[in-house]
C-alpha atoms as a PDB file:
ATOM      1  CA  MET A   1     150.672 -24.036 153.464  1.00  0.00           C
ATOM      2  CA  ARG A   2     147.520 -25.173 151.678  1.00  0.00           C
ATOM      3  CA  VAL A   3     144.599 -26.917 153.390  1.00  0.00           C
ATOM      4  CA  VAL A   4     141.892 -28.649 151.343  1.00  0.00           C
ATOM      5  CA  ASN A   5     138.563 -29.496 152.987  1.00  0.00           C
ATOM      6  CA  ILE A   6     136.323 -31.930 151.128  1.00  0.00           C
ATOM      7  CA  ALA A   7     132.865 -31.795 152.655  1.00  0.00           C
ATOM      8  CA  ALA A   8     129.166 -32.290 152.013  1.00  0.00           C
ATOM      9  CA  GLU A   9     128.228 -28.816 153.223  1.00  0.00           C
ATOM     10  CA  MET A  10     129.577 -25.367 154.054  1.00  0.00           C
ATOM     11  CA  ALA A  11     127.641 -22.527 155.651  1.00  0.00           C
ATOM     12  CA  PRO A  12     126.021 -20.423 154.320  1.00  0.00           C
ATOM     13  CA  ILE A  13     125.769 -21.945 150.816  1.00  0.00           C
ATOM     14  CA  ALA A  14     124.894 -25.525 151.792  1.00  0.00           C
ATOM     15  CA  LYS A  15     123.947 -26.265 155.385  1.00  0.00           C
ATOM     16  CA  VAL A  16     121.847 -28.941 157.010  1.00  0.00           C
ATOM     17  CA  GLY A  17     123.648 -29.625 160.278  1.00  0.00           C
ATOM     18  CA  GLY A  18     126.696 -28.561 162.244  1.00  0.00           C
ATOM     19  CA  LEU A  19     129.225 -29.716 159.643  1.00  0.00           C
ATOM     20  CA  GLY A  20     128.434 -26.709 157.457  1.00  0.00           C
ATOM     21  CA  ASP A  21     129.209 -24.323 160.318  1.00  0.00           C
ATOM     22  CA  VAL A  22     132.505 -26.070 161.101  1.00  0.00           C
ATOM     23  CA  VAL A  23     133.727 -26.137 157.491  1.00  0.00           C
ATOM     24  CA  GLY A  24     132.737 -22.511 156.896  1.00  0.00           C
ATOM     25  CA  GLY A  25     134.230 -21.232 160.152  1.00  0.00           C
ATOM     26  CA  LEU A  26     137.437 -23.252 159.943  1.00  0.00           C
ATOM     27  CA  SER A  27     138.130 -22.283 156.340  1.00  0.00           C
ATOM     28  CA  SER A  28     137.526 -18.584 157.002  1.00  0.00           C
ATOM     29  CA  GLU A  29     139.795 -18.657 160.054  1.00  0.00           C
ATOM     30  CA  LEU A  30     142.584 -20.418 158.137  1.00  0.00           C
ATOM     31  CA  VAL A  31     142.479 -17.742 155.434  1.00  0.00           C
ATOM     32  CA  ARG A  32     142.470 -15.026 158.098  1.00  0.00           C
ATOM     33  CA  LYS A  33     145.698 -16.539 159.473  1.00  0.00           C
ATOM     34  CA  GLY A  34     147.314 -16.487 156.022  1.00  0.00           C
ATOM     35  CA  ILE A  35     146.787 -20.145 155.115  1.00  0.00           C
ATOM     36  CA  ASP A  36     145.545 -21.022 151.629  1.00  0.00           C
ATOM     37  CA  ALA A  37     142.210 -22.780 152.317  1.00  0.00           C
ATOM     38  CA  ILE A  38     140.261 -24.599 149.605  1.00  0.00           C
ATOM     39  CA  VAL A  39     136.854 -26.256 150.004  1.00  0.00           C
ATOM     40  CA  ILE A  40     135.480 -28.881 147.600  1.00  0.00           C
ATOM     41  CA  LEU A  41     131.716 -29.403 147.717  1.00  0.00           C
ATOM     42  CA  PRO A  42     129.032 -31.185 145.705  1.00  0.00           C
ATOM     43  CA  LYS A  43     127.169 -28.824 143.388  1.00  0.00           C
ATOM     44  CA  TYR A  44     123.695 -29.389 144.770  1.00  0.00           C
ATOM     45  CA  LYS A  45     120.773 -28.043 142.745  1.00  0.00           C
ATOM     46  CA  ASN A  46     119.575 -25.943 145.695  1.00  0.00           C
ATOM     47  CA  LEU A  47     122.891 -24.235 146.571  1.00  0.00           C
ATOM     48  CA  LYS A  48     122.605 -20.647 147.766  1.00  0.00           C
ATOM     49  CA  THR A  49     124.873 -19.264 145.048  1.00  0.00           C
ATOM     50  CA  SER A  50     123.995 -15.650 145.871  1.00  0.00           C
ATOM     51  CA  PHE A  51     126.665 -15.829 148.607  1.00  0.00           C
ATOM     52  CA  LEU A  52     129.383 -16.786 146.114  1.00  0.00           C
ATOM     53  CA  LYS A  53     131.672 -14.306 144.404  1.00  0.00           C
ATOM     54  CA  ASP A  54     132.872 -14.834 140.820  1.00  0.00           C
ATOM     55  CA  LEU A  55     131.085 -18.158 140.238  1.00  0.00           C
ATOM     56  CA  LYS A  56     132.412 -19.509 136.940  1.00  0.00           C
ATOM     57  CA  VAL A  57     133.171 -22.697 135.054  1.00  0.00           C
ATOM     58  CA  TYR A  58     136.592 -24.010 136.076  1.00  0.00           C
ATOM     59  CA  LYS A  59     136.738 -27.177 133.952  1.00  0.00           C
ATOM     60  CA  LYS A  60     134.271 -28.759 131.538  1.00  0.00           C
ATOM     61  CA  ASN A  61     134.033 -32.451 130.676  1.00  0.00           C
ATOM     62  CA  PHE A  62     135.877 -33.525 133.824  1.00  0.00           C
ATOM     63  CA  GLN A  63     135.504 -37.285 134.221  1.00  0.00           C
ATOM     64  CA  ILE A  64     134.412 -38.816 137.510  1.00  0.00           C
ATOM     65  CA  PHE A  65     133.619 -42.416 138.389  1.00  0.00           C
ATOM     66  CA  GLU A  66     130.086 -42.518 139.765  1.00  0.00           C
ATOM     67  CA  LYS A  67     127.460 -45.254 139.918  1.00  0.00           C
ATOM     68  CA  ARG A  68     129.911 -47.814 138.511  1.00  0.00           C
ATOM     69  CA  ARG A  69     130.708 -45.869 135.354  1.00  0.00           C
ATOM     70  CA  TRP A  70     132.656 -42.873 134.104  1.00  0.00           C
ATOM     71  CA  GLN A  71     130.644 -39.693 133.664  1.00  0.00           C
ATOM     72  CA  LYS A  72     131.514 -36.217 132.461  1.00  0.00           C
ATOM     73  CA  THR A  73     130.776 -33.289 134.723  1.00  0.00           C
ATOM     74  CA  THR A  74     131.624 -29.609 135.083  1.00  0.00           C
ATOM     75  CA  ILE A  75     133.662 -28.161 137.941  1.00  0.00           C
ATOM     76  CA  TYR A  76     132.797 -24.627 139.051  1.00  0.00           C
ATOM     77  CA  SER A  77     134.960 -22.259 141.073  1.00  0.00           C
ATOM     78  CA  ALA A  78     134.014 -19.346 143.301  1.00  0.00           C
ATOM     79  CA  LYS A  79     135.104 -17.400 146.360  1.00  0.00           C
ATOM     80  CA  LEU A  80     133.364 -16.982 149.692  1.00  0.00           C
ATOM     81  CA  ASN A  81     135.038 -14.776 152.317  1.00  0.00           C
ATOM     82  CA  ARG A  82     138.380 -15.178 150.492  1.00  0.00           C
ATOM     83  CA  VAL A  83     138.048 -18.998 150.629  1.00  0.00           C
ATOM     84  CA  GLN A  84     138.475 -20.737 147.260  1.00  0.00           C
ATOM     85  CA  ILE A  85     135.574 -23.106 146.597  1.00  0.00           C
ATOM     86  CA  TYR A  86     135.220 -25.786 143.934  1.00  0.00           C
ATOM     87  CA  LEU A  87     131.796 -27.269 143.199  1.00  0.00           C
ATOM     88  CA  ILE A  88     131.591 -30.677 141.541  1.00  0.00           C
END
């Protein structure tokens, strides 16, 4: 089984309120139980990337529709406590 969480924050790399704790804890527990957990987050400028393992470019020139127009962006991938993370 694969579970994908799309969220605005995930502790400890991006946390403002309780959502970050829930996403981080849930994803780690799913992986511990043998479930493939993926988290998709915005790539904020102030992310605490020191917690991430193997941060690398996953896809360049990925097109997203934002602010009523198509824009190119880069998707990054990393691991945190065996949880696969994608930053957009």
